[in-house]
Amino acid sequence: MKVEKDKKSDDSEIADVCLLLEGTYPYIQGGVSAWVHQIITTMPDVRFSIFFIGSQRETTPKQFYTLPENVVAFEEVYIFEKLEESEKVAAKIPKFVATELYRLLGEVYFGNRSADRVVAFWEALDFLEKSGVDITFANLCQNYECWELLKKGYHVGAEGDSFIDFFWSVRFMHMPIWTLLKRRSQVPKARVYHAVSTGYAGVIGAFAARVQKAPYFITEHGIYTKERVAEISQASWIYESESYYFDPHKGLSVLKKMWINLFTFLGHISYGAAERIIALYEGNTRLQVEYGAAADRLEIIPNGIDPTAYDVTRETRKRRREETEDDRVIIGFMGRIVPIKDVKTLIRSAYHVIRRCPNAHFLLAGPTEEDEEYFESCQELITQFGIGDQLEFIGRQKPAEFLASIDIMLLTSISEGLPLVILEAYSASIPVVSTDVGACREMIEGRTVPDRELGPAGAVTRIYSPEDTAEGLIQLIKSPEMVDDMGEAGRERVERYYVESDIMGQYHQIYKDTTWSKFSHIRVKSLAERSKLPSS
């Protein structure tokens, strides 16, 4: 069954769990989306609803996943679309409402402590709810009190820069948050709210849980605030004066700092409301604390996979390696062709590898339409290096078939959580060469002493380093025995530490424990029963 986009939540059928997703499932393939699909399909006895947050409807890809039967509601909002005409006209606000509202907003923006600002944020929203006044976005741009707050903000943090640039940046920063909160009634009612990031999804999840008096928790694959900081630091869409453009030693401009402060604050709101905050690996818990999470609410649950689902792939690949007379070594990449995957470093490393190992061949599998400009620049780079005969973009592929055709898996990402593609490669006994991001080092070298005793399942390289990545690949290309040994170490690591039924069982237990009094229709399945549930 496919739940249509315009399907509305039915109050008579409240979902057990509402998943709050930003820019992922069901439109984007792989990564977080694959994990979401895994969560839903391995728990057919749990009723899910989905609240999807996108940028603009017209730029959203075609829906990739068909929603399973146990998704009972699907809602979506696009936060960077044009404002409705009604939002451009300021509403009349009673004086006492305006006085209190703008006092609270002043505390949100100019409070001395983050905790005080978060408290003021919730007090402002609660006050608006109780007042019954339906203000518009124009009130935030035109009212005298807001104008005074804006001038204070400029003098405090941006004096000396262009006031016009400051004004329009503030307006643009607040528009998506306003659009999201105005659509708050669209969030499906549920017994548990589970956000798969902080940011916009985290804030609206915290708000919905507050209104419904329901438990709320977060799972972060990557650390959202960190990723936004990295993105904003390099963003070309945020205006910078020529003095910043030509002098990198000046650090971040005022406007970039404003955007970073916004997402840091959204993180504080999200973390502060969550009863449990889940990371995929230990390194991320330290970052979560750094960005405002309470240490006593943190826990680690990695991604999981059913390795037996790749047994046929594993055997097919093994026969190919044993029987072929072709000396080519196939290095594979499976993921989106986007900047965060740093495909350009992959291409540059391929150039170094091919010069020293002419038998190397690179296959890049994955969608190219998400950032067409970046894809085109990657193609131009391949042409410049003259390696088009040995490096191919082959588009979307079925993972099992693609894995059977490669010898080594390669990742050059600048940010990851715990990549599912590594678990897929290991399930097929394929070693991985990956940049040192996210959980990749502990996945390749092992996290605990018993884990490390299994031996490395590939090589870890520096980010933005084509030379280091090339060296890691060349070492494997020149030793087929090492490829086999490391591939088997990866398979054993998955079987011991990353089995899907064990991992999904932990989430099932969280859902059960969190709302058992309202959740009694869920059948408690034994581990053996859960292992028979359908895989993603």
Protein backbone atom coordinates (compact mmCIF):
# COMPACT_ATOMS: atom_id res chain seq x y z
CA MET A 1 0.00 0.00 0.00
CA LYS A 2 1.26 3.46 -0.83
CA VAL A 3 0.09 6.26 1.43
CA GLU A 4 -0.67 9.22 -0.78
CA LYS A 5 0.97 12.56 -0.10
CA ASP A 6 -2.30 14.29 0.71
CA LYS A 7 -3.48 11.65 3.16
CA LYS A 8 -4.51 13.36 6.41
CA SER A 9 -4.03 11.99 9.90
CA ASP A 10 -7.07 10.18 11.27
CA ASP A 11 -7.58 11.06 14.93
CA SER A 12 -9.38 7.75 15.41
CA GLU A 13 -6.17 5.90 14.57
CA ILE A 14 -3.34 7.50 16.50
CA ALA A 15 0.04 6.15 15.48
CA ASP A 16 2.23 4.39 17.99
CA VAL A 17 5.32 6.26 16.74
CA CYS A 18 5.63 9.44 14.68
CA LEU A 19 8.94 9.72 12.83
CA LEU A 20 10.07 13.30 12.13
CA LEU A 21 12.33 13.40 9.09
CA GLU A 22 14.17 16.20 7.35
CA GLY A 23 15.09 15.76 3.69
CA THR A 24 15.30 11.97 3.77
CA TYR A 25 12.72 9.17 3.65
CA PRO A 26 10.74 8.39 1.54
CA TYR A 27 12.31 10.51 -1.23
CA ILE A 28 16.04 9.90 -0.81
CA GLN A 29 17.67 6.50 -1.28
CA GLY A 30 20.12 4.90 1.14
CA GLY A 31 21.74 6.17 4.33
CA VAL A 32 19.27 7.50 6.89
CA SER A 33 16.37 6.66 4.58
CA ALA A 34 17.38 3.00 4.40
CA TRP A 35 17.55 2.94 8.20
CA VAL A 36 14.07 4.48 8.50
CA HIS A 37 12.67 1.89 6.09
CA GLN A 38 14.41 -0.79 8.12
CA ILE A 39 12.84 0.46 11.36
CA ILE A 40 9.37 0.42 9.84
CA THR A 41 9.57 -2.91 8.00
CA THR A 42 11.11 -4.86 10.86
CA MET A 43 8.30 -3.81 13.21
CA PRO A 44 5.06 -4.67 11.42
CA ASP A 45 3.23 -4.68 14.76
CA VAL A 46 3.99 -0.97 15.33
CA ARG A 47 1.86 1.69 13.63
CA PHE A 48 4.02 4.53 12.31
CA SER A 49 3.22 8.00 11.04
CA ILE A 50 5.68 10.23 9.20
CA PHE A 51 6.14 13.99 9.18
CA PHE A 52 8.49 14.90 6.33
CA ILE A 53 10.22 18.29 6.14
CA GLY A 54 11.51 19.33 2.74
CA SER A 55 13.04 22.43 1.23
CA GLN A 56 10.91 23.07 -1.86
CA ARG A 57 8.34 20.76 -3.37
CA GLU A 58 9.49 21.29 -6.94
CA THR A 59 13.08 20.29 -6.16
CA THR A 60 12.18 17.20 -4.13
CA PRO A 61 13.07 13.97 -5.96
CA LYS A 62 10.46 11.43 -6.96
CA GLN A 63 9.38 9.22 -4.08
CA PHE A 64 11.83 6.31 -3.89
CA TYR A 65 10.31 4.13 -1.16
CA THR A 66 6.77 2.79 -1.19
CA LEU A 67 5.43 3.25 2.30
CA PRO A 68 4.72 -0.05 4.09
CA GLU A 69 1.27 -1.06 5.33
CA ASN A 70 2.03 -0.08 8.92
CA VAL A 71 2.54 3.59 7.98
CA VAL A 72 -0.90 4.93 8.86
CA ALA A 73 -0.31 8.64 8.17
CA PHE A 74 2.03 10.73 6.07
CA GLU A 75 2.32 14.53 6.20
CA GLU A 76 4.83 16.87 4.64
CA VAL A 77 5.77 20.54 4.75
CA TYR A 78 8.16 22.53 2.56
CA ILE A 79 9.81 25.30 4.54
CA PHE A 80 11.53 27.33 1.82
CA GLU A 81 8.56 27.88 -0.44
CA LYS A 82 7.02 31.31 -0.94
CA LEU A 83 4.94 32.67 1.91
CA GLU A 84 1.19 32.59 1.54
CA GLU A 85 -0.33 35.98 0.79
CA SER A 86 -2.09 36.03 4.16
CA GLU A 87 1.31 35.84 5.88
CA LYS A 88 2.38 39.09 4.23
CA VAL A 89 -0.29 41.14 6.02
CA ALA A 90 0.27 41.99 9.68
CA ALA A 91 -2.52 40.94 12.02
CA LYS A 92 -3.86 43.28 14.71
CA ILE A 93 -2.50 42.26 18.09
CA PRO A 94 -3.91 43.41 21.42
CA LYS A 95 -1.44 45.62 23.27
CA PHE A 96 -1.05 43.29 26.25
CA VAL A 97 -0.32 40.36 23.93
CA ALA A 98 2.28 42.30 21.97
CA THR A 99 3.99 43.54 25.13
CA GLU A 100 4.37 40.08 26.64
CA LEU A 101 5.22 38.32 23.37
CA TYR A 102 8.02 40.68 22.43
CA ARG A 103 9.36 40.66 25.98
CA LEU A 104 9.71 36.89 25.71
CA LEU A 105 11.26 37.12 22.26
CA GLY A 106 13.78 39.57 23.68
CA GLU A 107 14.76 36.93 26.25
CA VAL A 108 15.05 34.31 23.48
CA TYR A 109 17.50 36.46 21.54
CA PHE A 110 19.38 38.26 24.29
CA GLY A 111 19.29 35.91 27.29
CA ASN A 112 22.65 35.38 28.98
CA ARG A 113 22.45 31.58 29.13
CA SER A 114 21.35 29.05 26.53
CA ALA A 115 19.11 27.33 29.10
CA ASP A 116 17.30 30.62 29.81
CA ARG A 117 16.82 31.27 26.09
CA VAL A 118 15.32 27.80 25.60
CA VAL A 119 12.91 28.38 28.50
CA ALA A 120 11.88 31.72 26.98
CA PHE A 121 11.32 30.04 23.60
CA TRP A 122 8.83 27.59 25.09
CA GLU A 123 7.17 30.32 27.15
CA ALA A 124 6.69 32.40 23.99
CA LEU A 125 5.08 29.50 22.12
CA ASP A 126 2.89 28.59 25.09
CA PHE A 127 1.82 32.21 25.44
CA LEU A 128 0.87 32.42 21.77
CA GLU A 129 -1.14 29.20 22.04
CA LYS A 130 -3.04 30.45 25.09
CA SER A 131 -3.62 33.95 23.72
CA GLY A 132 -5.46 32.61 20.68
CA VAL A 133 -4.00 35.41 18.56
CA ASP A 134 -3.06 34.27 15.06
CA ILE A 135 -0.13 36.50 14.18
CA THR A 136 1.49 36.40 10.75
CA PHE A 137 5.05 36.55 9.49
CA ALA A 138 4.46 40.19 8.62
CA ASN A 139 4.08 40.95 12.33
CA LEU A 140 7.64 39.75 12.84
CA CYS A 141 8.88 42.05 10.09
CA GLN A 142 6.70 45.15 10.52
CA ASN A 143 5.67 45.59 14.14
CA TYR A 144 7.44 48.37 16.06
CA GLU A 145 8.49 46.05 18.89
CA CYS A 146 10.13 43.62 16.43
CA TRP A 147 11.86 46.50 14.74
CA GLU A 148 13.35 47.50 18.10
CA LEU A 149 14.55 43.93 18.68
CA LEU A 150 16.08 43.89 15.21
CA LYS A 151 17.96 47.16 15.81
CA LYS A 152 19.25 45.85 19.13
CA GLY A 153 20.45 42.66 17.47
CA TYR A 154 22.27 44.66 14.82
CA HIS A 155 24.01 46.91 17.34
CA VAL A 156 24.95 43.95 19.55
CA GLY A 157 26.33 41.63 16.90
CA ALA A 158 26.55 43.19 13.45
CA GLU A 159 27.31 46.90 13.77
CA GLY A 160 29.70 47.94 11.03
CA ASP A 161 28.18 45.53 8.52
CA SER A 162 25.40 46.41 6.10
CA PHE A 163 22.09 46.81 7.97
CA ILE A 164 20.18 45.87 4.80
CA ASP A 165 22.07 42.58 4.50
CA PHE A 166 21.49 41.96 8.21
CA PHE A 167 17.74 42.66 7.89
CA TRP A 168 17.16 40.32 4.95
CA SER A 169 19.32 37.59 6.45
CA VAL A 170 17.31 37.67 9.69
CA ARG A 171 14.09 37.56 7.69
CA PHE A 172 15.24 34.59 5.62
CA MET A 173 16.56 32.72 8.66
CA HIS A 174 13.24 32.95 10.47
CA MET A 175 10.94 32.17 7.56
CA PRO A 176 11.44 28.35 7.57
CA ILE A 177 10.96 28.15 11.34
CA TRP A 178 7.81 30.24 11.09
CA THR A 179 6.46 28.15 8.21
CA LEU A 180 7.14 24.98 10.18
CA LEU A 181 5.43 26.19 13.35
CA LYS A 182 2.42 27.48 11.39
CA ARG A 183 1.98 23.93 10.05
CA ARG A 184 2.25 22.37 13.50
CA SER A 185 -1.30 21.06 13.37
CA GLN A 186 -0.25 18.79 10.49
CA VAL A 187 2.05 16.75 12.72
CA PRO A 188 0.23 13.44 13.25
CA LYS A 189 -0.87 12.56 16.75
CA ALA A 190 1.18 9.73 18.21
CA ARG A 191 2.06 8.01 21.45
CA VAL A 192 5.79 8.52 20.86
CA TYR A 193 7.67 11.14 18.82
CA HIS A 194 11.00 10.07 17.36
CA ALA A 195 13.10 12.66 15.51
CA VAL A 196 15.93 11.47 13.31
CA SER A 197 17.93 14.69 13.75
CA THR A 198 17.88 17.91 15.70
CA GLY A 199 17.36 21.06 13.60
CA TYR A 200 13.92 21.64 12.12
CA ALA A 201 12.76 18.05 12.66
CA GLY A 202 13.96 18.09 16.25
CA VAL A 203 12.16 21.32 17.09
CA ILE A 204 8.80 20.35 15.61
CA GLY A 205 9.08 16.92 17.21
CA ALA A 206 9.71 18.50 20.59
CA PHE A 207 6.74 20.83 20.07
CA ALA A 208 4.37 18.03 19.03
CA ALA A 209 5.41 15.87 21.98
CA ARG A 210 4.85 18.83 24.31
CA VAL A 211 1.34 19.41 22.97
CA GLN A 212 0.41 15.70 23.02
CA LYS A 213 2.14 15.16 26.39
CA ALA A 214 3.94 12.25 24.74
CA PRO A 215 7.50 10.92 25.10
CA TYR A 216 10.06 12.28 22.66
CA PHE A 217 13.52 11.04 21.71
CA ILE A 218 16.19 11.61 19.08
CA THR A 219 18.42 9.35 17.01
CA GLU A 220 21.27 11.14 15.25
CA HIS A 221 23.18 9.37 12.50
CA GLY A 222 25.46 12.32 11.95
CA ILE A 223 25.53 15.29 14.30
CA TYR A 224 23.16 17.74 12.65
CA THR A 225 24.59 20.89 14.25
CA LYS A 226 28.14 19.94 13.29
CA GLU A 227 27.08 19.26 9.71
CA ARG A 228 25.31 22.63 9.45
CA VAL A 229 28.38 24.40 10.88
CA ALA A 230 30.58 22.74 8.24
CA GLU A 231 28.10 23.55 5.47
CA ILE A 232 27.62 27.18 6.50
CA SER A 233 31.34 27.79 6.91
CA GLN A 234 31.83 26.97 3.22
CA ALA A 235 28.49 28.27 1.91
CA SER A 236 28.53 30.59 -1.09
CA TRP A 237 24.80 31.45 -0.73
CA ILE A 238 25.43 33.49 2.43
CA TYR A 239 26.53 37.00 1.48
CA GLU A 240 30.02 38.10 2.51
CA SER A 241 31.60 41.46 1.82
CA GLU A 242 34.66 41.59 -0.42
CA SER A 243 36.90 42.02 2.61
CA TYR A 244 35.90 38.54 3.80
CA TYR A 245 35.89 37.03 0.34
CA PHE A 246 39.50 38.03 -0.29
CA ASP A 247 40.85 37.59 3.25
CA PRO A 248 40.22 34.08 4.66
CA HIS A 249 42.17 34.98 7.82
CA LYS A 250 39.30 37.16 9.02
CA GLY A 251 37.32 34.09 10.01
CA LEU A 252 33.57 33.71 9.58
CA SER A 253 31.45 36.70 8.64
CA VAL A 254 28.71 38.02 10.92
CA LEU A 255 25.97 36.52 8.77
CA LYS A 256 27.56 33.06 8.80
CA LYS A 257 27.94 33.27 12.57
CA MET A 258 24.25 34.14 12.80
CA TRP A 259 23.25 31.02 10.86
CA ILE A 260 25.53 28.86 13.00
CA ASN A 261 24.06 30.35 16.18
CA LEU A 262 20.57 29.60 14.90
CA PHE A 263 21.23 25.91 14.30
CA THR A 264 23.11 25.61 17.58
CA PHE A 265 20.05 27.05 19.34
CA LEU A 266 17.71 24.66 17.51
CA GLY A 267 19.95 21.85 18.73
CA HIS A 268 19.62 23.07 22.33
CA ILE A 269 15.83 23.09 21.99
CA SER A 270 15.78 19.57 20.53
CA TYR A 271 18.18 18.05 23.03
CA GLY A 272 16.55 19.76 25.98
CA ALA A 273 13.15 18.24 25.23
CA ALA A 274 14.35 14.69 24.54
CA GLU A 275 14.05 11.95 27.13
CA ARG A 276 16.62 9.83 25.32
CA ILE A 277 19.31 10.87 22.83
CA ILE A 278 20.77 8.08 20.74
CA ALA A 279 24.02 8.12 18.78
CA LEU A 280 25.40 5.48 16.45
CA TYR A 281 28.85 5.40 18.02
CA GLU A 282 30.80 6.75 20.97
CA GLY A 283 32.52 9.61 19.18
CA ASN A 284 29.18 11.22 18.40
CA THR A 285 28.08 11.24 22.04
CA ARG A 286 30.98 13.56 22.84
CA LEU A 287 29.87 15.92 20.08
CA GLN A 288 26.27 15.79 21.28
CA VAL A 289 27.37 16.93 24.74
CA GLU A 290 29.46 19.67 23.14
CA TYR A 291 26.37 20.91 21.27
CA GLY A 292 24.10 20.92 24.30
CA ALA A 293 22.90 17.36 25.06
CA ALA A 294 22.70 16.15 28.67
CA ALA A 295 25.21 13.33 29.19
CA ASP A 296 22.84 11.30 31.36
CA ARG A 297 20.34 10.99 28.50
CA LEU A 298 22.81 9.59 25.96
CA GLU A 299 23.04 6.02 24.70
CA ILE A 300 24.58 4.21 21.74
CA ILE A 301 22.74 1.98 19.27
CA PRO A 302 24.63 1.27 16.01
CA ASN A 303 23.09 0.49 12.65
CA GLY A 304 22.40 -3.14 11.83
CA ILE A 305 22.02 -5.43 8.84
CA ASP A 306 21.00 -8.99 8.04
CA PRO A 307 24.29 -10.40 6.70
CA THR A 308 22.63 -13.61 5.51
CA ALA A 309 20.69 -11.56 2.96
CA TYR A 310 24.01 -11.14 1.12
CA ASP A 311 25.09 -14.79 1.16
CA VAL A 312 24.32 -15.27 -2.53
CA THR A 313 26.15 -12.03 -3.36
CA ARG A 314 29.11 -13.21 -1.31
CA GLU A 315 29.31 -16.55 -3.12
CA THR A 316 28.84 -14.97 -6.55
CA ARG A 317 31.64 -12.51 -5.86
CA LYS A 318 33.91 -15.27 -4.56
CA ARG A 319 33.41 -17.37 -7.72
CA ARG A 320 34.08 -14.36 -9.92
CA ARG A 321 37.37 -13.67 -8.16
CA GLU A 322 38.43 -17.32 -8.34
CA GLU A 323 37.42 -18.02 -11.93
CA THR A 324 38.08 -14.82 -13.85
CA GLU A 325 41.23 -14.47 -15.90
CA ASP A 326 40.79 -10.70 -15.98
CA ASP A 327 43.39 -9.00 -13.75
CA ARG A 328 41.23 -5.91 -13.26
CA VAL A 329 40.55 -4.83 -9.69
CA ILE A 330 37.16 -3.15 -9.36
CA ILE A 331 36.87 -0.39 -6.76
CA GLY A 332 33.28 0.52 -6.02
CA PHE A 333 31.53 3.53 -4.56
CA MET A 334 27.85 3.36 -3.65
CA GLY A 335 26.12 6.56 -2.58
CA ARG A 336 24.77 9.92 -3.64
CA ILE A 337 26.94 12.08 -5.89
CA VAL A 338 26.93 15.11 -3.59
CA PRO A 339 29.60 17.30 -1.94
CA ILE A 340 29.37 15.66 1.50
CA LYS A 341 30.53 12.40 -0.11
CA ASP A 342 33.52 14.32 -1.55
CA VAL A 343 33.44 12.51 -4.87
CA LYS A 344 36.04 14.92 -6.20
CA THR A 345 38.64 13.56 -3.78
CA LEU A 346 37.63 10.08 -4.94
CA ILE A 347 38.26 11.10 -8.56
CA ARG A 348 41.62 12.63 -7.72
CA SER A 349 42.66 9.52 -5.81
CA ALA A 350 41.54 7.38 -8.76
CA TYR A 351 43.90 9.37 -10.98
CA HIS A 352 46.85 8.56 -8.68
CA VAL A 353 45.84 4.90 -8.44
CA ILE A 354 45.40 4.40 -12.18
CA ARG A 355 48.83 5.88 -12.89
CA ARG A 356 50.44 3.26 -10.64
CA CYS A 357 47.98 0.39 -11.08
CA PRO A 358 46.65 0.40 -14.67
CA ASN A 359 44.49 -2.64 -13.83
CA ALA A 360 42.35 -0.55 -11.43
CA HIS A 361 38.81 0.28 -12.53
CA PHE A 362 36.32 2.48 -10.62
CA LEU A 363 32.52 2.09 -10.64
CA LEU A 364 30.44 4.82 -8.97
CA ALA A 365 26.88 3.70 -8.27
CA GLY A 366 24.21 6.06 -7.02
CA PRO A 367 21.85 8.90 -7.92
CA THR A 368 23.33 11.95 -9.64
CA GLU A 369 20.31 14.26 -9.80
CA GLU A 370 20.35 15.60 -6.24
CA ASP A 371 23.08 18.15 -7.05
CA GLU A 372 23.38 18.30 -10.82
CA GLU A 373 25.91 21.13 -10.77
CA TYR A 374 28.24 19.11 -8.54
CA PHE A 375 27.81 16.03 -10.74
CA GLU A 376 28.71 18.04 -13.83
CA SER A 377 31.84 19.40 -12.14
CA CYS A 378 32.83 15.82 -11.25
CA GLN A 379 32.46 14.81 -14.90
CA GLU A 380 34.62 17.75 -15.95
CA LEU A 381 37.30 16.68 -13.48
CA ILE A 382 37.32 13.16 -14.95
CA THR A 383 37.75 14.64 -18.41
CA GLN A 384 40.64 16.82 -17.22
CA PHE A 385 42.43 13.79 -15.80
CA GLY A 386 41.70 11.67 -18.87
CA ILE A 387 40.48 8.66 -16.86
CA GLY A 388 36.99 8.32 -18.33
CA ASP A 389 37.76 4.80 -19.60
CA GLN A 390 38.54 3.58 -16.09
CA LEU A 391 36.08 5.53 -13.96
CA GLU A 392 32.36 5.26 -14.68
CA PHE A 393 29.18 6.69 -13.19
CA ILE A 394 26.67 3.86 -13.52
CA GLY A 395 23.65 5.39 -11.75
CA ARG A 396 21.40 3.63 -9.26
CA GLN A 397 22.11 -0.07 -8.80
CA LYS A 398 20.67 -2.89 -6.74
CA PRO A 399 23.15 -3.23 -3.86
CA ALA A 400 23.38 -7.03 -4.01
CA GLU A 401 24.16 -7.05 -7.73
CA PHE A 402 26.61 -4.16 -7.50
CA LEU A 403 28.51 -5.68 -4.58
CA ALA A 404 28.95 -8.95 -6.47
CA SER A 405 30.81 -7.04 -9.19
CA ILE A 406 33.40 -5.19 -7.07
CA ASP A 407 36.54 -6.12 -5.14
CA ILE A 408 37.00 -3.12 -2.80
CA MET A 409 34.53 -0.56 -1.43
CA LEU A 410 35.61 3.08 -1.24
CA LEU A 411 34.24 6.04 0.77
CA THR A 412 35.76 9.52 0.72
CA SER A 413 33.05 11.32 2.71
CA ILE A 414 33.76 14.39 4.81
CA SER A 415 30.96 13.45 7.22
CA GLU A 416 29.23 10.17 8.06
CA GLY A 417 27.42 8.53 10.92
CA LEU A 418 27.67 4.77 10.77
CA PRO A 419 27.44 4.05 7.04
CA LEU A 420 25.12 1.23 6.02
CA VAL A 421 27.17 0.79 2.86
CA ILE A 422 30.09 -0.49 4.97
CA LEU A 423 27.86 -3.09 6.61
CA GLU A 424 26.58 -4.12 3.19
CA ALA A 425 30.14 -4.46 1.89
CA TYR A 426 31.20 -6.52 4.90
CA SER A 427 28.19 -8.81 4.51
CA ALA A 428 29.53 -9.63 1.05
CA SER A 429 33.10 -10.03 2.43
CA ILE A 430 34.33 -6.84 0.75
CA PRO A 431 37.05 -4.76 2.47
CA VAL A 432 36.53 -1.01 2.78
CA VAL A 433 38.85 1.95 2.32
CA SER A 434 37.25 4.93 4.04
CA THR A 435 38.05 8.39 5.29
CA ASP A 436 38.34 8.78 9.05
CA VAL A 437 34.83 10.13 9.66
CA GLY A 438 31.97 9.05 11.89
CA ALA A 439 32.17 5.44 13.03
CA CYS A 440 34.27 4.37 10.05
CA ARG A 441 37.51 3.83 12.00
CA GLU A 442 35.90 1.62 14.63
CA MET A 443 34.00 -0.27 11.92
CA ILE A 444 37.23 -0.97 10.04
CA GLU A 445 39.67 -1.48 12.92
CA GLY A 446 37.29 -2.57 15.71
CA ARG A 447 35.91 -0.74 18.74
CA THR A 448 36.61 -3.07 21.66
CA VAL A 449 39.55 -5.36 22.36
CA PRO A 450 37.69 -8.52 21.16
CA ASP A 451 36.52 -6.58 18.11
CA ARG A 452 40.04 -5.43 17.23
CA GLU A 453 41.31 -8.98 17.59
CA LEU A 454 39.32 -9.86 14.46
CA GLY A 455 41.83 -7.76 12.50
CA PRO A 456 41.31 -4.77 10.20
CA ALA A 457 38.66 -4.99 7.48
CA GLY A 458 40.21 -2.33 5.27
CA ALA A 459 42.11 0.94 5.59
CA VAL A 460 41.34 4.33 7.15
CA THR A 461 42.53 7.49 5.36
CA ARG A 462 42.56 11.24 5.95
CA ILE A 463 39.75 13.40 4.60
CA TYR A 464 40.49 15.65 1.61
CA SER A 465 43.60 13.58 0.85
CA PRO A 466 43.66 11.96 -2.59
CA GLU A 467 47.22 10.76 -1.99
CA ASP A 468 46.39 9.04 1.31
CA THR A 469 43.29 7.43 -0.17
CA ALA A 470 45.32 6.23 -3.17
CA GLU A 471 47.93 4.63 -0.91
CA GLY A 472 45.23 2.76 1.00
CA LEU A 473 43.77 1.44 -2.24
CA ILE A 474 47.10 0.52 -3.84
CA GLN A 475 48.09 -1.58 -0.85
CA LEU A 476 44.98 -3.70 -1.35
CA ILE A 477 45.12 -3.75 -5.15
CA LYS A 478 48.61 -5.28 -5.02
CA SER A 479 47.58 -8.00 -2.54
CA PRO A 480 44.56 -10.15 -3.49
CA GLU A 481 45.19 -12.24 -0.37
CA MET A 482 44.82 -9.13 1.81
CA VAL A 483 41.57 -8.30 0.05
CA ASP A 484 40.20 -11.75 0.91
CA ASP A 485 41.45 -11.73 4.52
CA MET A 486 40.14 -8.25 5.28
CA GLY A 487 36.83 -9.04 3.61
CA GLU A 488 36.35 -12.07 5.86
CA ALA A 489 37.27 -9.99 8.93
CA GLY A 490 34.50 -7.58 7.93
CA ARG A 491 31.97 -10.38 7.58
CA GLU A 492 32.80 -11.73 11.02
CA ARG A 493 32.59 -8.24 12.54
CA VAL A 494 29.07 -7.80 11.17
CA GLU A 495 27.96 -11.19 12.43
CA ARG A 496 29.20 -10.42 15.94
CA TYR A 497 28.28 -6.77 16.44
CA TYR A 498 25.88 -5.44 13.79
CA VAL A 499 23.08 -7.97 13.29
CA GLU A 500 19.85 -6.25 12.35
CA SER A 501 17.52 -8.30 14.56
CA ASP A 502 19.56 -7.41 17.64
CA ILE A 503 19.68 -3.69 16.77
CA MET A 504 16.03 -3.35 15.80
CA GLY A 505 15.13 -5.31 18.91
CA GLN A 506 16.63 -2.49 20.99
CA TYR A 507 14.41 0.10 19.29
CA HIS A 508 11.38 -2.13 19.65
CA GLN A 509 12.15 -2.34 23.37
CA ILE A 510 12.49 1.46 23.60
CA TYR A 511 9.10 1.97 21.96
CA LYS A 512 7.59 -0.64 24.26
CA ASP A 513 9.19 0.71 27.44
CA THR A 514 8.42 4.32 26.60
CA THR A 515 4.67 3.94 26.22
CA TRP A 516 3.76 0.48 27.41
CA SER A 517 0.67 1.65 29.27
CA LYS A 518 -0.78 3.03 26.02
CA PHE A 519 0.95 0.54 23.79
CA SER A 520 -0.38 -2.78 25.04
CA HIS A 521 -1.55 -4.00 21.65
CA ILE A 522 2.08 -4.57 20.60
CA ARG A 523 3.01 -8.22 20.80
CA VAL A 524 6.34 -8.63 22.58
CA LYS A 525 8.40 -10.72 20.23
CA SER A 526 11.30 -12.87 21.26
CA LEU A 527 14.64 -12.27 19.57
CA ALA A 528 14.13 -15.43 17.55
CA GLU A 529 10.77 -14.17 16.29
CA ARG A 530 12.11 -10.73 15.45
CA SER A 531 14.90 -12.25 13.40
CA LYS A 532 12.26 -13.63 11.05
CA LEU A 533 10.74 -10.22 10.33
CA PRO A 534 11.16 -8.94 6.76
CA SER A 535 14.34 -7.01 6.04
CA SER A 536 14.51 -3.68 4.26
